[in-house]
Structure formats: structure tokens, C-alpha cells
Amino acid sequence: MDDAHEERFQQHQTWLASFGAMFEKQHEANQQQAAMNQRLDAFITRQDGLNERLTMAIERLDTTQARIETLLARMIERSANGRDA
């Protein structure tokens, strides 16, 4: 090979080595991202379960509050009736 071809060949070799290093770094970053995604998926799954339990608890509290309000209204009616008599 003449010098121009050798120089161009070396330049391509250098590029290929650089691309290989970049691809390796990208692969490492992708693996780290995949691990982080798995942790986030697990966290979201736990949060979904927690949200369901919280929703059920709030519904029970709403029911309990409505029952207490009904009982208080009945008690107030009875005490008011006793004063009117």
C-alpha cells in the first residue's frame, strides 16, 4: 500500500476502535438503565398496591363518616323532641 492508503487505513482503524469503545460504553449505560427500569417497575407495582389499599380505606372512612352523621342527626332529633315537649 502506498502512504495515502496506509494513512487512510489507520484512520479507519482508529475510528473503528473509537466506535467500539463508544458502543461498549453505551452497552454499559443500557444495562444500568435496564436495572433502574426494573427497580422502578417494582416500585410502581408496590405503589399501585398501596393506592388500592388507600382507596379502600378512604371508602370505608366515607361509609363510617356517613353512619356517624346519621347517628348524630338521630340523636339531635331526639334531644330536640325532648325539649319541645
PDB file of N, CA and C in Angstrom:
ATOM      1  N   MET A   1       0.838  -1.186   0.000  1.00  0.00           N
ATOM      2  CA  MET A   1       0.000   0.000   0.000  1.00  0.00           C
ATOM      3  C   MET A   1       0.879   1.245   0.000  1.00  0.00           C
ATOM      4  N   ASP A   2       0.370   2.245  -0.643  1.00  0.00           N
ATOM      5  CA  ASP A   2       1.118   3.489  -0.609  1.00  0.00           C
ATOM      6  C   ASP A   2       0.784   4.231   0.679  1.00  0.00           C
ATOM      7  N   ASP A   3       1.486   5.311   0.929  1.00  0.00           N
ATOM      8  CA  ASP A   3       1.332   6.039   2.194  1.00  0.00           C
ATOM      9  C   ASP A   3      -0.072   6.594   2.390  1.00  0.00           C
ATOM     10  N   ALA A   4      -0.706   7.093   1.340  1.00  0.00           N
ATOM     11  CA  ALA A   4      -2.068   7.663   1.456  1.00  0.00           C
ATOM     12  C   ALA A   4      -3.060   6.576   1.862  1.00  0.00           C
ATOM     13  N   HIS A   5      -2.914   5.414   1.250  1.00  0.00           N
ATOM     14  CA  HIS A   5      -3.825   4.318   1.597  1.00  0.00           C
ATOM     15  C   HIS A   5      -3.561   3.826   3.013  1.00  0.00           C
ATOM     16  N   GLU A   6      -2.311   3.739   3.387  1.00  0.00           N
ATOM     17  CA  GLU A   6      -1.955   3.297   4.750  1.00  0.00           C
ATOM     18  C   GLU A   6      -2.491   4.289   5.779  1.00  0.00           C
ATOM     19  N   GLU A   7      -2.337   5.560   5.486  1.00  0.00           N
ATOM     20  CA  GLU A   7      -2.832   6.593   6.413  1.00  0.00           C
ATOM     21  C   GLU A   7      -4.357   6.507   6.548  1.00  0.00           C
ATOM     22  N   ARG A   8      -5.025   6.332   5.430  1.00  0.00           N
ATOM     23  CA  ARG A   8      -6.489   6.217   5.442  1.00  0.00           C
ATOM     24  C   ARG A   8      -6.921   4.944   6.188  1.00  0.00           C
ATOM     25  N   PHE A   9      -6.208   3.859   5.964  1.00  0.00           N
ATOM     26  CA  PHE A   9      -6.495   2.607   6.653  1.00  0.00           C
ATOM     27  C   PHE A   9      -6.334   2.788   8.163  1.00  0.00           C
ATOM     28  N   GLN A  10      -5.278   3.426   8.594  1.00  0.00           N
ATOM     29  CA  GLN A  10      -5.046   3.672  10.023  1.00  0.00           C
ATOM     30  C   GLN A  10      -6.134   4.582  10.606  1.00  0.00           C
ATOM     31  N   GLN A  11      -6.543   5.555   9.806  1.00  0.00           N
ATOM     32  CA  GLN A  11      -7.616   6.445  10.249  1.00  0.00           C
ATOM     33  C   GLN A  11      -8.897   5.645  10.460  1.00  0.00           C
ATOM     34  N   HIS A  12      -9.202   4.749   9.554  1.00  0.00           N
ATOM     35  CA  HIS A  12     -10.405   3.906   9.697  1.00  0.00           C
ATOM     36  C   HIS A  12     -10.276   2.970  10.895  1.00  0.00           C
ATOM     37  N   GLN A  13      -9.097   2.454  11.114  1.00  0.00           N
ATOM     38  CA  GLN A  13      -8.865   1.592  12.270  1.00  0.00           C
ATOM     39  C   GLN A  13      -9.098   2.370  13.566  1.00  0.00           C
ATOM     40  N   THR A  14      -8.611   3.594  13.589  1.00  0.00           N
ATOM     41  CA  THR A  14      -8.802   4.453  14.769  1.00  0.00           C
ATOM     42  C   THR A  14     -10.288   4.724  14.990  1.00  0.00           C
ATOM     43  N   TRP A  15     -11.012   5.012  13.918  1.00  0.00           N
ATOM     44  CA  TRP A  15     -12.458   5.243  14.016  1.00  0.00           C
ATOM     45  C   TRP A  15     -13.179   4.009  14.547  1.00  0.00           C
ATOM     46  N   LEU A  16     -12.812   2.858  13.969  1.00  0.00           N
ATOM     47  CA  LEU A  16     -13.453   1.617  14.412  1.00  0.00           C
ATOM     48  C   LEU A  16     -13.197   1.355  15.890  1.00  0.00           C
ATOM     49  N   ALA A  17     -11.989   1.606  16.335  1.00  0.00           N
ATOM     50  CA  ALA A  17     -11.665   1.419  17.749  1.00  0.00           C
ATOM     51  C   ALA A  17     -12.486   2.392  18.605  1.00  0.00           C
ATOM     52  N   SER A  18     -12.611   3.628  18.142  1.00  0.00           N
ATOM     53  CA  SER A  18     -13.410   4.625  18.878  1.00  0.00           C
ATOM     54  C   SER A  18     -14.881   4.212  18.925  1.00  0.00           C
ATOM     55  N   PHE A  19     -15.404   3.763  17.791  1.00  0.00           N
ATOM     56  CA  PHE A  19     -16.798   3.320  17.751  1.00  0.00           C
ATOM     57  C   PHE A  19     -17.012   2.121  18.670  1.00  0.00           C
ATOM     58  N   GLY A  20     -16.058   1.209  18.660  1.00  0.00           N
ATOM     59  CA  GLY A  20     -16.158   0.046  19.545  1.00  0.00           C
ATOM     60  C   GLY A  20     -16.206   0.456  21.001  1.00  0.00           C
ATOM     61  N   ALA A  21     -15.350   1.407  21.378  1.00  0.00           N
ATOM     62  CA  ALA A  21     -15.339   1.899  22.764  1.00  0.00           C
ATOM     63  C   ALA A  21     -16.654   2.596  23.092  1.00  0.00           C
ATOM     64  N   MET A  22     -17.168   3.380  22.139  1.00  0.00           N
ATOM     65  CA  MET A  22     -18.451   4.070  22.365  1.00  0.00           C
ATOM     66  C   MET A  22     -19.585   3.062  22.526  1.00  0.00           C
ATOM     67  N   PHE A  23     -19.589   2.035  21.672  1.00  0.00           N
ATOM     68  CA  PHE A  23     -20.638   1.014  21.766  1.00  0.00           C
ATOM     69  C   PHE A  23     -20.558   0.270  23.096  1.00  0.00           C
ATOM     70  N   GLU A  24     -19.356   0.013  23.561  1.00  0.00           N
ATOM     71  CA  GLU A  24     -19.190  -0.666  24.847  1.00  0.00           C
ATOM     72  C   GLU A  24     -19.731   0.199  25.989  1.00  0.00           C
ATOM     73  N   LYS A  25     -19.388   1.476  25.961  1.00  0.00           N
ATOM     74  CA  LYS A  25     -19.905   2.405  26.990  1.00  0.00           C
ATOM     75  C   LYS A  25     -21.431   2.493  26.920  1.00  0.00           C
ATOM     76  N   GLN A  26     -21.968   2.541  25.708  1.00  0.00           N
ATOM     77  CA  GLN A  26     -23.420   2.614  25.545  1.00  0.00           C
ATOM     78  C   GLN A  26     -24.069   1.340  26.068  1.00  0.00           C
ATOM     79  N   HIS A  27     -23.440   0.205  25.824  1.00  0.00           N
ATOM     80  CA  HIS A  27     -23.962  -1.063  26.324  1.00  0.00           C
ATOM     81  C   HIS A  27     -24.012  -1.054  27.851  1.00  0.00           C
ATOM     82  N   GLU A  28     -22.946  -0.560  28.481  1.00  0.00           N
ATOM     83  CA  GLU A  28     -22.918  -0.458  29.948  1.00  0.00           C
ATOM     84  C   GLU A  28     -24.033   0.467  30.441  1.00  0.00           C
ATOM     85  N   ALA A  29     -24.198   1.602  29.773  1.00  0.00           N
ATOM     86  CA  ALA A  29     -25.248   2.549  30.164  1.00  0.00           C
ATOM     87  C   ALA A  29     -26.625   1.920  29.987  1.00  0.00           C
ATOM     88  N   ASN A  30     -26.814   1.162  28.918  1.00  0.00           N
ATOM     89  CA  ASN A  30     -28.095   0.482  28.683  1.00  0.00           C
ATOM     90  C   ASN A  30     -28.383  -0.543  29.773  1.00  0.00           C
ATOM     91  N   GLN A  31     -27.349  -1.262  30.197  1.00  0.00           N
ATOM     92  CA  GLN A  31     -27.532  -2.241  31.268  1.00  0.00           C
ATOM     93  C   GLN A  31     -27.911  -1.553  32.573  1.00  0.00           C
ATOM     94  N   GLN A  32     -27.253  -0.435  32.869  1.00  0.00           N
ATOM     95  CA  GLN A  32     -27.596   0.321  34.079  1.00  0.00           C
ATOM     96  C   GLN A  32     -29.034   0.832  34.001  1.00  0.00           C
ATOM     97  N   GLN A  33     -29.420   1.323  32.829  1.00  0.00           N
ATOM     98  CA  GLN A  33     -30.782   1.821  32.648  1.00  0.00           C
ATOM     99  C   GLN A  33     -31.801   0.698  32.809  1.00  0.00           C
ATOM    100  N   ALA A  34     -31.486  -0.478  32.270  1.00  0.00           N
ATOM    101  CA  ALA A  34     -32.393  -1.625  32.388  1.00  0.00           C
ATOM    102  C   ALA A  34     -32.573  -2.013  33.850  1.00  0.00           C
ATOM    103  N   ALA A  35     -31.487  -1.999  34.621  1.00  0.00           N
ATOM    104  CA  ALA A  35     -31.581  -2.310  36.050  1.00  0.00           C
ATOM    105  C   ALA A  35     -32.428  -1.262  36.766  1.00  0.00           C
ATOM    106  N   MET A  36     -32.235   0.001  36.418  1.00  0.00           N
ATOM    107  CA  MET A  36     -33.020   1.068  37.034  1.00  0.00           C
ATOM    108  C   MET A  36     -34.498   0.930  36.663  1.00  0.00           C
ATOM    109  N   ASN A  37     -34.774   0.573  35.427  1.00  0.00           N
ATOM    110  CA  ASN A  37     -36.160   0.373  34.990  1.00  0.00           C
ATOM    111  C   ASN A  37     -36.823  -0.756  35.776  1.00  0.00           C
ATOM    112  N   GLN A  38     -36.076  -1.825  36.047  1.00  0.00           N
ATOM    113  CA  GLN A  38     -36.632  -2.927  36.833  1.00  0.00           C
ATOM    114  C   GLN A  38     -36.975  -2.466  38.238  1.00  0.00           C
ATOM    115  N   ARG A  39     -36.084  -1.676  38.851  1.00  0.00           N
ATOM    116  CA  ARG A  39     -36.369  -1.160  40.194  1.00  0.00           C
ATOM    117  C   ARG A  39     -37.587  -0.237  40.174  1.00  0.00           C
ATOM    118  N   LEU A  40     -37.687   0.601  39.144  1.00  0.00           N
ATOM    119  CA  LEU A  40     -38.839   1.493  39.039  1.00  0.00           C
ATOM    120  C   LEU A  40     -40.137   0.720  38.829  1.00  0.00           C
ATOM    121  N   ASP A  41     -40.091  -0.332  38.010  1.00  0.00           N
ATOM    122  CA  ASP A  41     -41.275  -1.167  37.805  1.00  0.00           C
ATOM    123  C   ASP A  41     -41.728  -1.791  39.121  1.00  0.00           C
ATOM    124  N   ALA A  42     -40.773  -2.293  39.903  1.00  0.00           N
ATOM    125  CA  ALA A  42     -41.107  -2.892  41.193  1.00  0.00           C
ATOM    126  C   ALA A  42     -41.712  -1.839  42.119  1.00  0.00           C
ATOM    127  N   PHE A  43     -41.140  -0.639  42.123  1.00  0.00           N
ATOM    128  CA  PHE A  43     -41.657   0.443  42.967  1.00  0.00           C
ATOM    129  C   PHE A  43     -43.079   0.826  42.554  1.00  0.00           C
ATOM    130  N   ILE A  44     -43.302   0.948  41.260  1.00  0.00           N
ATOM    131  CA  ILE A  44     -44.634   1.323  40.752  1.00  0.00           C
ATOM    132  C   ILE A  44     -45.651   0.249  41.107  1.00  0.00           C
ATOM    133  N   THR A  45     -45.256  -1.009  41.010  1.00  0.00           N
ATOM    134  CA  THR A  45     -46.161  -2.098  41.374  1.00  0.00           C
ATOM    135  C   THR A  45     -46.538  -1.996  42.848  1.00  0.00           C
ATOM    136  N   ARG A  46     -45.545  -1.721  43.709  1.00  0.00           N
ATOM    137  CA  ARG A  46     -45.841  -1.556  45.149  1.00  0.00           C
ATOM    138  C   ARG A  46     -46.753  -0.350  45.368  1.00  0.00           C
ATOM    139  N   GLN A  47     -46.504   0.735  44.644  1.00  0.00           N
ATOM    140  CA  GLN A  47     -47.334   1.932  44.788  1.00  0.00           C
ATOM    141  C   GLN A  47     -48.779   1.658  44.356  1.00  0.00           C
ATOM    142  N   ASP A  48     -48.937   0.900  43.271  1.00  0.00           N
ATOM    143  CA  ASP A  48     -50.283   0.557  42.812  1.00  0.00           C
ATOM    144  C   ASP A  48     -51.034  -0.205  43.894  1.00  0.00           C
ATOM    145  N   GLY A  49     -50.366  -1.156  44.533  1.00  0.00           N
ATOM    146  CA  GLY A  49     -50.992  -1.907  45.620  1.00  0.00           C
ATOM    147  C   GLY A  49     -51.346  -1.001  46.782  1.00  0.00           C
ATOM    148  N   LEU A  50     -50.439  -0.091  47.116  1.00  0.00           N
ATOM    149  CA  LEU A  50     -50.693   0.850  48.199  1.00  0.00           C
ATOM    150  C   LEU A  50     -51.867   1.761  47.849  1.00  0.00           C
ATOM    151  N   ASN A  51     -51.920   2.240  46.611  1.00  0.00           N
ATOM    152  CA  ASN A  51     -53.022   3.102  46.188  1.00  0.00           C
ATOM    153  C   ASN A  51     -54.362   2.385  46.298  1.00  0.00           C
ATOM    154  N   GLU A  52     -54.381   1.101  45.926  1.00  0.00           N
ATOM    155  CA  GLU A  52     -55.622   0.326  46.050  1.00  0.00           C
ATOM    156  C   GLU A  52     -56.055   0.230  47.505  1.00  0.00           C
ATOM    157  N   ARG A  53     -55.094  -0.054  48.398  1.00  0.00           N
ATOM    158  CA  ARG A  53     -55.433  -0.160  49.824  1.00  0.00           C
ATOM    159  C   ARG A  53     -55.890   1.180  50.383  1.00  0.00           C
ATOM    160  N   LEU A  54     -55.246   2.253  49.958  1.00  0.00           N
ATOM    161  CA  LEU A  54     -55.656   3.582  50.428  1.00  0.00           C
ATOM    162  C   LEU A  54     -57.056   3.935  49.930  1.00  0.00           C
ATOM    163  N   THR A  55     -57.342   3.606  48.694  1.00  0.00           N
ATOM    164  CA  THR A  55     -58.675   3.869  48.143  1.00  0.00           C
ATOM    165  C   THR A  55     -59.735   3.110  48.939  1.00  0.00           C
ATOM    166  N   MET A  56     -59.455   1.848  49.248  1.00  0.00           N
ATOM    167  CA  MET A  56     -60.408   1.055  50.029  1.00  0.00           C
ATOM    168  C   MET A  56     -60.575   1.652  51.425  1.00  0.00           C
ATOM    169  N   ALA A  57     -59.486   2.089  52.042  1.00  0.00           N
ATOM    170  CA  ALA A  57     -59.564   2.679  53.379  1.00  0.00           C
ATOM    171  C   ALA A  57     -60.384   3.966  53.352  1.00  0.00           C
ATOM    172  N   ILE A  58     -60.187   4.784  52.335  1.00  0.00           N
ATOM    173  CA  ILE A  58     -60.950   6.036  52.215  1.00  0.00           C
ATOM    174  C   ILE A  58     -62.439   5.732  52.027  1.00  0.00           C
ATOM    175  N   GLU A  59     -62.747   4.716  51.232  1.00  0.00           N
ATOM    176  CA  GLU A  59     -64.148   4.339  51.042  1.00  0.00           C
ATOM    177  C   GLU A  59     -64.755   3.887  52.368  1.00  0.00           C
ATOM    178  N   ARG A  60     -64.007   3.116  53.148  1.00  0.00           N
ATOM    179  CA  ARG A  60     -64.517   2.685  54.461  1.00  0.00           C
ATOM    180  C   ARG A  60     -64.700   3.879  55.384  1.00  0.00           C
ATOM    181  N   LEU A  61     -63.761   4.826  55.336  1.00  0.00           N
ATOM    182  CA  LEU A  61     -63.892   6.023  56.166  1.00  0.00           C
ATOM    183  C   LEU A  61     -65.110   6.847  55.750  1.00  0.00           C
ATOM    184  N   ASP A  62     -65.355   6.954  54.457  1.00  0.00           N
ATOM    185  CA  ASP A  62     -66.530   7.685  53.979  1.00  0.00           C
ATOM    186  C   ASP A  62     -67.808   7.026  54.495  1.00  0.00           C
ATOM    187  N   THR A  63     -67.844   5.698  54.446  1.00  0.00           N
ATOM    188  CA  THR A  63     -69.017   4.970  54.940  1.00  0.00           C
ATOM    189  C   THR A  63     -69.185   5.196  56.440  1.00  0.00           C
ATOM    190  N   THR A  64     -68.082   5.105  57.178  1.00  0.00           N
ATOM    191  CA  THR A  64     -68.134   5.316  58.629  1.00  0.00           C
ATOM    192  C   THR A  64     -68.588   6.731  58.949  1.00  0.00           C
ATOM    193  N   GLN A  65     -68.078   7.703  58.222  1.00  0.00           N
ATOM    194  CA  GLN A  65     -68.468   9.092  58.453  1.00  0.00           C
ATOM    195  C   GLN A  65     -69.963   9.273  58.188  1.00  0.00           C
ATOM    196  N   ALA A  66     -70.458   8.694  57.118  1.00  0.00           N
ATOM    197  CA  ALA A  66     -71.887   8.813  56.812  1.00  0.00           C
ATOM    198  C   ALA A  66     -72.725   8.191  57.925  1.00  0.00           C
ATOM    199  N   ARG A  67     -72.305   7.055  58.465  1.00  0.00           N
ATOM    200  CA  ARG A  67     -73.041   6.409  59.557  1.00  0.00           C
ATOM    201  C   ARG A  67     -73.025   7.269  60.812  1.00  0.00           C
ATOM    202  N   ILE A  68     -71.872   7.848  61.124  1.00  0.00           N
ATOM    203  CA  ILE A  68     -71.773   8.720  62.300  1.00  0.00           C
ATOM    204  C   ILE A  68     -72.673   9.942  62.130  1.00  0.00           C
ATOM    205  N   GLU A  69     -72.663  10.524  60.938  1.00  0.00           N
ATOM    206  CA  GLU A  69     -73.522  11.684  60.692  1.00  0.00           C
ATOM    207  C   GLU A  69     -74.993  11.317  60.855  1.00  0.00           C
ATOM    208  N   THR A  70     -75.380  10.149  60.366  1.00  0.00           N
ATOM    209  CA  THR A  70     -76.765   9.692  60.509  1.00  0.00           C
ATOM    210  C   THR A  70     -77.112   9.513  61.981  1.00  0.00           C
ATOM    211  N   LEU A  71     -76.222   8.861  62.745  1.00  0.00           N
ATOM    212  CA  LEU A  71     -76.470   8.658  64.169  1.00  0.00           C
ATOM    213  C   LEU A  71     -76.559   9.986  64.909  1.00  0.00           C
ATOM    214  N   LEU A  72     -75.669  10.910  64.606  1.00  0.00           N
ATOM    215  CA  LEU A  72     -75.713  12.221  65.263  1.00  0.00           C
ATOM    216  C   LEU A  72     -77.009  12.956  64.929  1.00  0.00           C
ATOM    217  N   ALA A  73     -77.426  12.869  63.679  1.00  0.00           N
ATOM    218  CA  ALA A  73     -78.669  13.532  63.294  1.00  0.00           C
ATOM    219  C   ALA A  73     -79.838  12.946  64.074  1.00  0.00           C
ATOM    220  N   ARG A  74     -79.877  11.626  64.242  1.00  0.00           N
ATOM    221  CA  ARG A  74     -80.955  10.994  65.016  1.00  0.00           C
ATOM    222  C   ARG A  74     -80.895  11.401  66.474  1.00  0.00           C
ATOM    223  N   MET A  75     -79.684  11.466  67.036  1.00  0.00           N
ATOM    224  CA  MET A  75     -79.549  11.858  68.440  1.00  0.00           C
ATOM    225  C   MET A  75     -79.995  13.306  68.637  1.00  0.00           C
ATOM    226  N   ILE A  76     -79.652  14.179  67.718  1.00  0.00           N
ATOM    227  CA  ILE A  76     -80.030  15.588  67.829  1.00  0.00           C
ATOM    228  C   ILE A  76     -81.549  15.723  67.709  1.00  0.00           C
ATOM    229  N   GLU A  77     -82.156  14.953  66.803  1.00  0.00           N
ATOM    230  CA  GLU A  77     -83.617  14.998  66.658  1.00  0.00           C
ATOM    231  C   GLU A  77     -84.286  14.575  67.949  1.00  0.00           C
ATOM    232  N   ARG A  78     -83.810  13.520  68.579  1.00  0.00           N
ATOM    233  CA  ARG A  78     -84.414  13.025  69.824  1.00  0.00           C
ATOM    234  C   ARG A  78     -84.274  14.043  70.950  1.00  0.00           C
ATOM    235  N   SER A  79     -83.095  14.642  71.064  1.00  0.00           N
ATOM    236  CA  SER A  79     -82.904  15.614  72.144  1.00  0.00           C
ATOM    237  C   SER A  79     -83.721  16.869  71.897  1.00  0.00           C
ATOM    238  N   ALA A  80     -83.901  17.237  70.654  1.00  0.00           N
ATOM    239  CA  ALA A  80     -84.733  18.403  70.324  1.00  0.00           C
ATOM    240  C   ALA A  80     -86.191  18.098  70.622  1.00  0.00           C
ATOM    241  N   ASN A  81     -86.638  16.874  70.343  1.00  0.00           N
ATOM    242  CA  ASN A  81     -88.017  16.484  70.625  1.00  0.00           C
ATOM    243  C   ASN A  81     -88.286  16.506  72.123  1.00  0.00           C
ATOM    244  N   GLY A  82     -87.314  16.114  72.906  1.00  0.00           N
ATOM    245  CA  GLY A  82     -87.497  16.110  74.359  1.00  0.00           C
ATOM    246  C   GLY A  82     -87.647  17.508  74.915  1.00  0.00           C
ATOM    247  N   ARG A  83     -87.028  18.505  74.320  1.00  0.00           N
ATOM    248  CA  ARG A  83     -87.114  19.877  74.808  1.00  0.00           C
ATOM    249  C   ARG A  83     -88.440  20.522  74.429  1.00  0.00           C
ATOM    250  N   ASP A  84     -88.992  20.105  73.278  1.00  0.00           N
ATOM    251  CA  ASP A  84     -90.229  20.704  72.818  1.00  0.00           C
ATOM    252  C   ASP A  84     -91.428  20.265  73.664  1.00  0.00           C
ATOM    253  N   ALA A  85     -91.329  19.127  74.266  1.00  0.00           N
ATOM    254  CA  ALA A  85     -92.493  18.562  74.975  1.00  0.00           C
ATOM    255  C   ALA A  85     -92.815  19.225  76.227  1.00  0.00           C
TER     256      ALA A  85
END
